[in-house]
Amino acid sequence: MSAAMTLLASCQKSEVPYSEAKGTLSFSGLEIGYDTELETKGSIPSPGNYAIFVFDEAGEQVYKASYSKSQEDNGISLLAGNYTIEARSTEEAVPASVFEVPIYGVKQTFSIEAGQTTNIGALTCTLLQCKVTVDYDNAFLNEVTGDCQTDVTVTTGSPLTYKLSYNEGVISYDKSAGYFAINNGSNTTMTIVFKGKINGKSQKMTASLTGIQPKQWRQITFYKKSDQQGNATFQIGINSFVDDEELVVPLTAEYEAVSGEDPDAPKGDGGITLTFSQGCSYTDLNNIEVPNPDVEAMNLSFDVTVPNGIKKFVVDITSDNQSFMSSVALTGSTQLDLINPLASQSLIFDIVPFPHGQDLLGKTALTFNLNAAQEPIYIFKGSHTFTMTITDQKGCKNSIPVVLVVK
């Protein structure tokens, strides 16, 4: 081609401007593959026949074809200059957000020289999106009492909703992988919003992440935590698969404003009761006198009935004896979550042998004996109140105070 152009120029006794000279982009030997080092593939594979695009220096598209069609074309003639070739696993643009459709691609610049043939060679495609999955730890799920959802947004107006369904204590949630386009380069941000019923109330939690990039897998997990006072708090862990590190972002749990009575709130106490066991001499839960262990052995046990099954069992401890409260506080909290107690609270169970642990979940009947609490609690004079708050699998709740009196 170069020789023909030279001959033509000599016959016309004029020069062809360099900008109008052409070379060839050859697709011979072009190979399209994708990087599988990261686990980013969804359950629905990307289309296997990649699309090929060529853009000039001004960004104008000068060629588009499927990979198979490009092999038939073998090569195309282009004006001398700088270009970009793009291979993508779909002809369409990367969607702002989509479930289970990962899109792979790559861009590479090249130059065309007059009269020369340029070969691209092999192109390795990688994930163009950020992959996101949502999960919850068991302690968090134990707090759930109604339907919930987590909305993840990267591009405004294009969120993906990961739903959690609650059906009479049975929980299922969406474990699909969502894929999000990177809309602002290295400054791309992601917003995570959780809304749902926690312990019978509507709660909302939010988090905002920066540094969202292609090829990342953001594994979002909601965790239940407890503060130093033993109150339940929540946080979210976002695991970046690429960086192999966990970023922990504290979340603020806040109640949504509700006008009037919440129509979704559970009605009644669900038939939850706590009564003295047969054979006990006590009749008043608010005045249980602890006898002197040197004179009389205490006979104290309770029967708990939860027709819909136990979801949560919490004991709040108060007392008019400051020494007693100080001793309890040394264990880390004056509140006992009997299903998920703090490790530091084991001392309390030595004093007041409440049943505790994951085995309580779902139980409809429970008996516990507090006779062993007589000696350790007798040294603390005063009134010690143990408020038993029991939540069932349907979100119904009953709070029952039990008062031990040491004269």
Protein backbone atom coordinates (compact mmCIF):
# COMPACT_ATOMS: atom_id res chain seq x y z
CA MET A 1 0.00 0.00 0.00
CA SER A 2 2.85 2.37 0.83
CA ALA A 3 4.48 1.80 -2.60
CA ALA A 4 1.18 2.41 -4.41
CA MET A 5 0.65 5.65 -2.53
CA THR A 6 4.20 6.81 -3.37
CA LEU A 7 3.66 6.04 -7.07
CA LEU A 8 0.35 7.91 -7.04
CA ALA A 9 1.97 10.90 -5.38
CA SER A 10 4.77 11.07 -7.99
CA CYS A 11 2.28 10.91 -10.87
CA GLN A 12 0.21 13.78 -9.39
CA LYS A 13 3.36 15.69 -8.40
CA SER A 14 1.86 16.43 -4.93
CA GLU A 15 2.26 15.02 -1.41
CA VAL A 16 -0.41 13.20 0.56
CA PRO A 17 -0.70 14.76 4.08
CA TYR A 18 0.40 12.38 6.85
CA SER A 19 -2.95 12.81 8.57
CA GLU A 20 -4.68 11.19 5.61
CA ALA A 21 -2.25 8.28 5.35
CA LYS A 22 -3.61 4.94 6.47
CA GLY A 23 -2.36 1.83 8.17
CA THR A 24 -3.99 -1.47 9.13
CA LEU A 25 -5.26 -2.73 12.46
CA SER A 26 -5.02 -6.49 12.29
CA PHE A 27 -7.24 -8.74 14.37
CA SER A 28 -5.18 -11.76 13.45
CA GLY A 29 -4.07 -13.46 16.64
CA LEU A 30 -6.40 -11.35 18.80
CA GLU A 31 -7.29 -13.36 21.89
CA ILE A 32 -9.87 -12.39 24.49
CA GLY A 33 -9.63 -13.86 27.95
CA TYR A 34 -10.61 -12.79 31.47
CA ASP A 35 -8.84 -12.79 34.80
CA THR A 36 -10.31 -15.47 37.10
CA GLU A 37 -7.93 -14.87 39.98
CA LEU A 38 -10.70 -13.19 42.02
CA GLU A 39 -13.95 -14.93 42.79
CA THR A 40 -16.21 -12.43 41.11
CA LYS A 41 -18.28 -14.50 38.72
CA GLY A 42 -22.03 -14.60 39.25
CA SER A 43 -24.32 -17.58 38.86
CA ILE A 44 -25.29 -16.31 35.39
CA PRO A 45 -22.13 -16.17 33.24
CA SER A 46 -21.32 -13.22 31.04
CA PRO A 47 -21.89 -13.61 27.29
CA GLY A 48 -19.01 -15.51 25.79
CA ASN A 49 -18.88 -13.61 22.49
CA TYR A 50 -17.20 -10.38 23.46
CA ALA A 51 -17.88 -7.08 21.69
CA ILE A 52 -14.95 -5.20 20.15
CA PHE A 53 -14.94 -1.38 19.94
CA VAL A 54 -12.33 0.95 18.43
CA PHE A 55 -12.30 4.67 19.25
CA ASP A 56 -10.19 7.43 17.74
CA GLU A 57 -8.29 10.03 19.75
CA ALA A 58 -11.38 12.25 19.92
CA GLY A 59 -13.40 9.43 21.41
CA GLU A 60 -15.45 8.77 18.28
CA GLN A 61 -16.30 5.14 17.61
CA VAL A 62 -14.77 4.01 14.34
CA TYR A 63 -15.42 0.27 14.57
CA LYS A 64 -17.72 -2.14 16.40
CA ALA A 65 -18.10 -5.88 15.96
CA SER A 66 -18.44 -9.10 17.88
CA TYR A 67 -15.25 -11.01 18.54
CA SER A 68 -16.23 -13.68 16.01
CA LYS A 69 -17.04 -11.02 13.39
CA SER A 70 -13.68 -9.32 14.02
CA GLN A 71 -11.96 -12.59 13.17
CA GLU A 72 -13.80 -12.67 9.86
CA ASP A 73 -12.81 -9.06 9.16
CA ASN A 74 -9.19 -9.95 9.93
CA GLY A 75 -8.23 -6.27 9.84
CA ILE A 76 -9.50 -2.74 9.18
CA SER A 77 -7.93 0.31 7.56
CA LEU A 78 -7.52 3.32 9.84
CA LEU A 79 -6.01 6.77 9.47
CA ALA A 80 -2.61 7.13 11.10
CA GLY A 81 -2.97 8.25 14.71
CA ASN A 82 -3.70 7.10 18.24
CA TYR A 83 -6.64 4.85 19.10
CA THR A 84 -8.21 2.85 21.90
CA ILE A 85 -9.54 -0.69 21.54
CA GLU A 86 -12.08 -1.94 24.04
CA ALA A 87 -13.25 -5.52 24.55
CA ARG A 88 -16.36 -6.05 26.67
CA SER A 89 -18.47 -9.06 27.54
CA THR A 90 -21.59 -7.23 26.40
CA GLU A 91 -22.33 -4.87 23.54
CA GLU A 92 -24.47 -2.75 25.86
CA ALA A 93 -23.01 -0.21 28.26
CA VAL A 94 -22.29 -1.35 31.80
CA PRO A 95 -25.58 -0.99 33.74
CA ALA A 96 -25.62 1.17 36.87
CA SER A 97 -26.66 -1.83 38.95
CA VAL A 98 -27.75 -5.39 38.24
CA PHE A 99 -28.08 -8.70 40.05
CA GLU A 100 -25.97 -11.68 38.97
CA VAL A 101 -24.64 -10.23 35.69
CA PRO A 102 -20.90 -9.54 35.98
CA ILE A 103 -19.40 -7.68 33.05
CA TYR A 104 -15.77 -8.06 32.06
CA GLY A 105 -13.79 -5.72 29.87
CA VAL A 106 -10.51 -4.05 29.06
CA LYS A 107 -9.24 -0.96 27.24
CA GLN A 108 -5.87 -0.61 25.54
CA THR A 109 -4.36 2.22 23.53
CA PHE A 110 -2.43 1.68 20.30
CA SER A 111 -1.07 3.66 17.38
CA ILE A 112 -1.51 3.28 13.65
CA GLU A 113 1.42 4.22 11.45
CA ALA A 114 1.06 4.92 7.76
CA GLY A 115 1.65 1.85 5.68
CA GLN A 116 2.19 -0.37 8.72
CA THR A 117 0.15 -3.19 10.27
CA THR A 118 -0.54 -3.10 14.01
CA ASN A 119 -1.37 -6.28 15.91
CA ILE A 120 -3.14 -6.09 19.24
CA GLY A 121 -2.36 -9.60 20.49
CA ALA A 122 -3.96 -10.86 23.69
CA LEU A 123 -6.35 -8.80 25.82
CA THR A 124 -7.14 -9.81 29.39
CA CYS A 125 -10.53 -8.66 30.60
CA THR A 126 -11.28 -8.06 34.30
CA LEU A 127 -14.46 -7.21 36.20
CA LEU A 128 -15.63 -3.71 35.36
CA GLN A 129 -17.98 -3.50 38.32
CA CYS A 130 -17.88 -3.76 42.10
CA LYS A 131 -19.52 -6.94 43.38
CA VAL A 132 -21.66 -6.69 46.54
CA THR A 133 -23.23 -9.40 48.72
CA VAL A 134 -25.19 -8.90 51.96
CA ASP A 135 -25.13 -11.19 55.00
CA TYR A 136 -26.10 -11.11 58.68
CA ASP A 137 -24.55 -12.88 61.66
CA ASN A 138 -26.75 -15.09 63.87
CA ALA A 139 -26.76 -12.65 66.79
CA PHE A 140 -28.11 -9.92 64.50
CA LEU A 141 -30.77 -12.23 63.08
CA ASN A 142 -31.86 -13.07 66.62
CA GLU A 143 -32.91 -9.42 66.98
CA VAL A 144 -35.06 -9.44 63.83
CA THR A 145 -38.84 -9.52 64.37
CA GLY A 146 -40.17 -8.52 60.94
CA ASP A 147 -39.37 -8.02 57.28
CA CYS A 148 -36.22 -6.02 56.51
CA GLN A 149 -34.27 -4.83 53.51
CA THR A 150 -30.82 -3.49 52.72
CA ASP A 151 -30.55 -0.96 49.89
CA VAL A 152 -27.15 -0.51 48.27
CA THR A 153 -26.62 2.48 45.97
CA VAL A 154 -23.64 3.62 43.93
CA THR A 155 -25.41 5.57 41.17
CA THR A 156 -28.22 7.80 42.45
CA GLY A 157 -31.60 6.43 41.46
CA SER A 158 -30.27 2.92 40.76
CA PRO A 159 -30.19 1.00 44.05
CA LEU A 160 -30.32 -2.75 44.48
CA THR A 161 -32.58 -4.04 47.25
CA TYR A 162 -31.54 -7.14 49.20
CA LYS A 163 -34.70 -8.35 50.96
CA LEU A 164 -34.97 -10.24 54.25
CA SER A 165 -38.26 -12.06 54.90
CA TYR A 166 -39.55 -12.89 58.36
CA ASN A 167 -42.30 -15.49 58.61
CA GLU A 168 -43.26 -16.52 62.15
CA GLY A 169 -39.65 -16.70 63.25
CA VAL A 170 -38.34 -18.26 60.06
CA ILE A 171 -35.89 -15.93 58.32
CA SER A 172 -34.68 -16.04 54.72
CA TYR A 173 -32.77 -13.39 52.85
CA ASP A 174 -31.41 -12.58 49.40
CA LYS A 175 -27.87 -13.88 48.95
CA SER A 176 -27.60 -12.77 45.31
CA ALA A 177 -24.53 -10.93 44.11
CA GLY A 178 -25.16 -7.39 42.92
CA TYR A 179 -22.87 -5.66 40.44
CA PHE A 180 -22.41 -1.88 40.40
CA ALA A 181 -20.89 0.38 37.74
CA ILE A 182 -18.06 2.63 38.86
CA ASN A 183 -19.42 6.09 38.13
CA ASN A 184 -16.74 8.44 39.46
CA GLY A 185 -13.36 6.76 39.14
CA SER A 186 -11.41 6.47 42.39
CA ASN A 187 -13.90 8.84 44.06
CA THR A 188 -16.85 6.49 43.64
CA THR A 189 -18.89 6.10 46.84
CA MET A 190 -21.43 3.53 48.04
CA THR A 191 -24.37 4.09 50.38
CA ILE A 192 -25.82 1.25 52.46
CA VAL A 193 -29.22 1.65 54.13
CA PHE A 194 -30.82 -1.00 56.35
CA LYS A 195 -34.50 -0.73 57.29
CA GLY A 196 -36.48 -3.27 59.22
CA LYS A 197 -38.06 -4.53 62.41
CA ILE A 198 -35.63 -5.05 65.27
CA ASN A 199 -37.15 -6.19 68.55
CA GLY A 200 -40.58 -5.10 67.37
CA LYS A 201 -39.56 -1.57 66.36
CA SER A 202 -38.80 -0.02 62.98
CA GLN A 203 -35.11 0.80 62.78
CA LYS A 204 -32.89 2.37 60.17
CA MET A 205 -29.11 2.15 59.86
CA THR A 206 -26.88 3.77 57.27
CA ALA A 207 -23.25 3.66 56.20
CA SER A 208 -21.30 5.40 53.43
CA LEU A 209 -18.15 3.96 51.87
CA THR A 210 -15.55 5.60 49.67
CA GLY A 211 -12.90 4.13 47.40
CA ILE A 212 -15.27 1.83 45.52
CA GLN A 213 -13.38 0.35 42.56
CA PRO A 214 -13.73 -2.29 39.84
CA LYS A 215 -12.73 -5.86 40.70
CA GLN A 216 -13.67 -5.41 44.36
CA TRP A 217 -16.01 -7.74 46.21
CA ARG A 218 -17.63 -5.83 49.05
CA GLN A 219 -18.99 -8.46 51.41
CA ILE A 220 -21.40 -6.56 53.66
CA THR A 221 -22.19 -8.27 56.96
CA PHE A 222 -24.37 -6.88 59.74
CA TYR A 223 -23.19 -7.73 63.25
CA LYS A 224 -24.77 -7.35 66.65
CA LYS A 225 -22.45 -5.78 69.21
CA SER A 226 -22.83 -4.59 72.81
CA ASP A 227 -21.48 -1.38 74.27
CA GLN A 228 -19.81 -1.14 77.67
CA GLN A 229 -23.19 -0.82 79.33
CA GLY A 230 -24.40 -3.99 77.63
CA ASN A 231 -26.84 -2.19 75.35
CA ALA A 232 -27.31 -3.70 71.91
CA THR A 233 -25.64 -1.81 69.09
CA PHE A 234 -24.98 -2.75 65.50
CA GLN A 235 -22.10 -2.43 63.12
CA ILE A 236 -21.37 -3.46 59.59
CA GLY A 237 -18.28 -5.16 58.26
CA ILE A 238 -17.34 -4.60 54.63
CA ASN A 239 -14.77 -7.08 53.43
CA SER A 240 -12.79 -5.97 50.39
CA PHE A 241 -11.77 -9.20 48.67
CA VAL A 242 -9.15 -7.42 46.59
CA ASP A 243 -7.43 -5.79 49.54
CA ASP A 244 -8.04 -8.80 51.79
CA GLU A 245 -8.95 -6.63 54.75
CA GLU A 246 -12.07 -5.91 56.72
CA LEU A 247 -13.24 -2.33 57.12
CA VAL A 248 -15.51 -1.92 60.16
CA VAL A 249 -17.91 1.01 59.93
CA PRO A 250 -19.96 1.83 63.06
CA LEU A 251 -23.65 2.26 62.39
CA THR A 252 -26.13 4.38 64.27
CA ALA A 253 -29.40 2.62 64.98
CA GLU A 254 -32.23 5.11 64.98
CA TYR A 255 -35.96 4.68 65.28
CA GLU A 256 -38.01 5.80 62.32
CA ALA A 257 -40.67 8.37 63.11
CA VAL A 258 -44.07 6.70 63.33
CA SER A 259 -47.29 8.71 63.38
CA GLY A 260 -49.71 7.14 65.82
CA GLU A 261 -49.58 3.45 66.63
CA ASP A 262 -47.35 1.28 64.48
CA PRO A 263 -49.85 -0.92 62.59
CA ASP A 264 -47.24 -3.65 62.21
CA ALA A 265 -46.37 -3.81 65.89
CA PRO A 266 -47.21 -7.15 67.53
CA LYS A 267 -50.32 -7.08 69.69
CA GLY A 268 -50.37 -8.27 73.31
CA ASP A 269 -47.79 -10.23 75.25
CA GLY A 270 -48.19 -13.44 73.25
CA GLY A 271 -49.25 -15.34 76.37
CA ILE A 272 -45.75 -15.06 77.87
CA THR A 273 -45.79 -15.81 81.62
CA LEU A 274 -43.34 -16.28 84.46
CA THR A 275 -44.75 -17.94 87.59
CA PHE A 276 -43.53 -19.73 90.68
CA SER A 277 -43.02 -23.45 90.19
CA GLN A 278 -45.23 -25.87 92.05
CA GLY A 279 -44.05 -26.39 95.62
CA CYS A 280 -42.63 -22.88 96.11
CA SER A 281 -43.81 -21.14 99.28
CA TYR A 282 -43.66 -17.69 97.65
CA THR A 283 -46.72 -15.97 96.22
CA ASP A 284 -45.51 -12.45 95.34
CA LEU A 285 -42.93 -11.94 92.58
CA ASN A 286 -42.28 -8.42 93.89
CA ASN A 287 -41.42 -9.52 97.41
CA ILE A 288 -39.32 -12.68 97.55
CA GLU A 289 -37.58 -12.67 100.92
CA VAL A 290 -34.26 -14.49 100.93
CA PRO A 291 -33.91 -16.37 104.24
CA ASN A 292 -30.73 -16.63 106.27
CA PRO A 293 -28.93 -19.68 104.81
CA ASP A 294 -27.74 -20.63 108.33
CA VAL A 295 -31.35 -20.96 109.42
CA GLU A 296 -33.42 -21.96 106.41
CA ALA A 297 -32.77 -23.21 102.88
CA MET A 298 -34.42 -21.22 100.10
CA ASN A 299 -36.85 -23.01 97.79
CA LEU A 300 -37.20 -20.79 94.71
CA SER A 301 -37.83 -21.80 91.11
CA PHE A 302 -39.82 -20.37 88.20
CA ASP A 303 -41.73 -21.71 85.22
CA VAL A 304 -41.54 -19.64 82.03
CA THR A 305 -44.13 -20.19 79.30
CA VAL A 306 -43.62 -18.75 75.79
CA PRO A 307 -46.26 -20.23 73.41
CA ASN A 308 -44.60 -18.82 70.28
CA GLY A 309 -41.07 -19.81 71.29
CA ILE A 310 -38.30 -17.69 72.82
CA LYS A 311 -36.64 -15.17 70.52
CA LYS A 312 -34.87 -13.08 73.16
CA PHE A 313 -34.53 -13.26 76.93
CA VAL A 314 -32.97 -10.26 78.68
CA VAL A 315 -32.57 -9.59 82.40
CA ASP A 316 -32.02 -6.01 83.64
CA ILE A 317 -30.56 -5.83 87.15
CA THR A 318 -31.19 -2.93 89.55
CA SER A 319 -30.77 -2.63 93.31
CA ASP A 320 -30.91 -0.14 96.17
CA ASN A 321 -27.60 -1.57 97.38
CA GLN A 322 -24.76 0.25 95.67
CA SER A 323 -22.22 -2.42 96.60
CA PHE A 324 -24.36 -5.02 94.86
CA MET A 325 -24.65 -2.87 91.72
CA SER A 326 -20.91 -2.17 91.71
CA SER A 327 -20.21 -5.89 91.88
CA VAL A 328 -22.56 -6.57 88.97
CA ALA A 329 -21.08 -3.69 86.93
CA LEU A 330 -17.61 -5.23 87.24
CA THR A 331 -18.78 -7.99 84.91
CA GLY A 332 -19.22 -5.46 82.08
CA SER A 333 -22.95 -4.77 82.20
CA THR A 334 -26.02 -4.64 84.40
CA GLN A 335 -28.02 -6.23 81.60
CA LEU A 336 -27.87 -9.93 80.84
CA ASP A 337 -28.70 -11.23 77.39
CA LEU A 338 -29.32 -14.82 78.39
CA ILE A 339 -29.06 -16.09 74.81
CA ASN A 340 -25.90 -14.14 73.91
CA PRO A 341 -24.25 -13.16 77.23
CA LEU A 342 -20.92 -11.38 77.45
CA ALA A 343 -18.02 -13.66 78.32
CA SER A 344 -17.22 -11.39 81.28
CA GLN A 345 -20.67 -12.05 82.79
CA SER A 346 -19.93 -15.64 83.78
CA LEU A 347 -19.50 -14.44 87.39
CA ILE A 348 -23.16 -13.38 87.51
CA PHE A 349 -24.24 -16.88 86.58
CA ASP A 350 -22.20 -18.16 89.52
CA ILE A 351 -24.24 -15.88 91.82
CA VAL A 352 -27.63 -16.09 90.11
CA PRO A 353 -27.75 -19.33 88.09
CA PHE A 354 -29.99 -18.23 85.25
CA PRO A 355 -30.13 -20.68 82.32
CA HIS A 356 -28.36 -19.17 79.32
CA GLY A 357 -27.01 -19.90 75.85
CA GLN A 358 -28.28 -20.60 72.34
CA ASP A 359 -30.26 -23.61 73.60
CA LEU A 360 -32.93 -21.20 74.88
CA LEU A 361 -33.89 -20.17 71.34
CA GLY A 362 -37.31 -21.47 70.33
CA LYS A 363 -38.15 -23.03 73.68
CA THR A 364 -41.82 -22.74 74.65
CA ALA A 365 -41.37 -23.80 78.27
CA LEU A 366 -38.50 -23.32 80.69
CA THR A 367 -37.94 -23.98 84.39
CA PHE A 368 -35.03 -22.55 86.32
CA ASN A 369 -34.05 -22.95 89.95
CA LEU A 370 -32.42 -20.11 91.91
CA ASN A 371 -31.76 -21.95 95.17
CA ALA A 372 -28.02 -21.69 94.59
CA ALA A 373 -28.30 -17.87 94.62
CA GLN A 374 -29.22 -17.82 98.33
CA GLU A 375 -25.76 -17.67 99.91
CA PRO A 376 -23.99 -15.26 97.53
CA ILE A 377 -26.90 -12.82 97.38
CA TYR A 378 -27.63 -12.88 101.13
CA ILE A 379 -24.52 -10.80 101.91
CA PHE A 380 -26.06 -7.86 100.00
CA LYS A 381 -28.83 -6.32 102.09
CA GLY A 382 -31.66 -4.55 100.30
CA SER A 383 -34.02 -5.06 97.35
CA HIS A 384 -32.57 -6.51 94.16
CA THR A 385 -34.80 -6.35 91.09
CA PHE A 386 -34.37 -8.65 88.12
CA THR A 387 -36.64 -7.52 85.28
CA MET A 388 -37.21 -10.41 82.91
CA THR A 389 -37.99 -9.19 79.38
CA ILE A 390 -38.96 -12.03 77.08
CA THR A 391 -39.59 -11.60 73.34
CA ASP A 392 -41.18 -14.39 71.32
CA GLN A 393 -40.66 -15.43 67.71
CA LYS A 394 -43.57 -13.24 66.58
CA GLY A 395 -42.20 -10.12 68.26
CA CYS A 396 -44.59 -10.15 71.23
CA LYS A 397 -42.95 -9.12 74.49
CA ASN A 398 -43.58 -9.24 78.22
CA SER A 399 -41.48 -7.63 80.97
CA ILE A 400 -41.84 -9.22 84.41
CA PRO A 401 -39.97 -7.87 87.49
CA VAL A 402 -38.74 -10.33 90.11
CA VAL A 403 -37.62 -8.75 93.40
CA LEU A 404 -35.36 -10.56 95.86
CA VAL A 405 -35.33 -8.93 99.29
CA VAL A 406 -32.56 -9.42 101.85
CA LYS A 407 -33.47 -7.96 105.23
